[in-house]
Amino acid sequence: MRWLRSLLVFIWIVVTLVPAGLLLVLLSPLVNDQRLWWMIAVPWLRGVMGAARWIGGVRYRVQGAENLPPADDMRRVVLCAKHQSTWETFFFPSMTPHPLAYVFKQELLRIPVFGWALGRLRMVHIDRSKRSEAWSRVASQGSQLMDEGKWIIMFPEGTRTRRGRKGNYKSGATRLAVATGAWVIPIAVTSGRCWPARTFSFIPGVIDVSIGTPVSATGREPGELMDEIEHWIEAEMRRLDPEAYTRRGGGARVAEDGESKA
């Protein structure tokens, strides 16, 4: 009974989020955010992945994990990932060797407990209605956080796209990489196969994650570099999930919920 599985996973997330999130908030004046990341955030996120697997029937397999620089590699990194559902927002921080900093809309900070905890982990929250101010914040805070050993993660399509669709790729992530001399790592993920966008209904199955080779942004132009990243991600999506793109007639249409604001 798929609906029951999905409900149980949702209940598990809410019930475990409250104590974990409140503990993180209470400890934040005493413990730095990187220790909070490894002590509380990552174990909770791995628990979400476990609940999705064992209760929801959603498994995953990763290709190209060796392309992620190891924990002692302090090069600057910007992860550019396909965004089809909520699943990857939980998954990526649970498996990377460095703490991640998302670039996200500031409205998320208003969510009780979850938003409070998010605000204590020092990420980059922006007002997407103020484009120039938003970019300045991404550039300044992104550089500072990378200096502290964090990786920046951005979804170049800006919003979740339905399975088999392609959103409008924006160059914010590659602009940041060029400005800071970072490496860009493209990631394809077929999460829409098992957790469709804007739903909380799990479809038992396997999500494929493919991590590409790091690309140096040094000496590159942001638009040209993003074209390369987009080409790799979209070609890899068609390799990983050909059925979705055959059904959609090539998946060339823009996401139904609008353009990226990143």
Foldseek 3Di string as FASTA:
>chain_A
DQVVLLVVLVVVLVVVLQVLLVVLLVCLVPDALQVNLVPRLLVSLVVSVVSCCPRNQEAEDEAPPVQADALVDLFAEEEEEAAFACNVVSVPCNDHRFHEAEEEALVLLPPPSVNSSNVSNQHHHAHLVDQVVSLVSCQVSVLVVSVVRYYYYYHQQQDHFFQQADADGDLSRLVSQASNFGWYKYKAKRCNVAQGYPDSTGDNDYMYMYIHHTHTSHPHDSVVVSVVSSVVRLVVSCVVCVVSNVVVVRNYDHGPVDGHSD
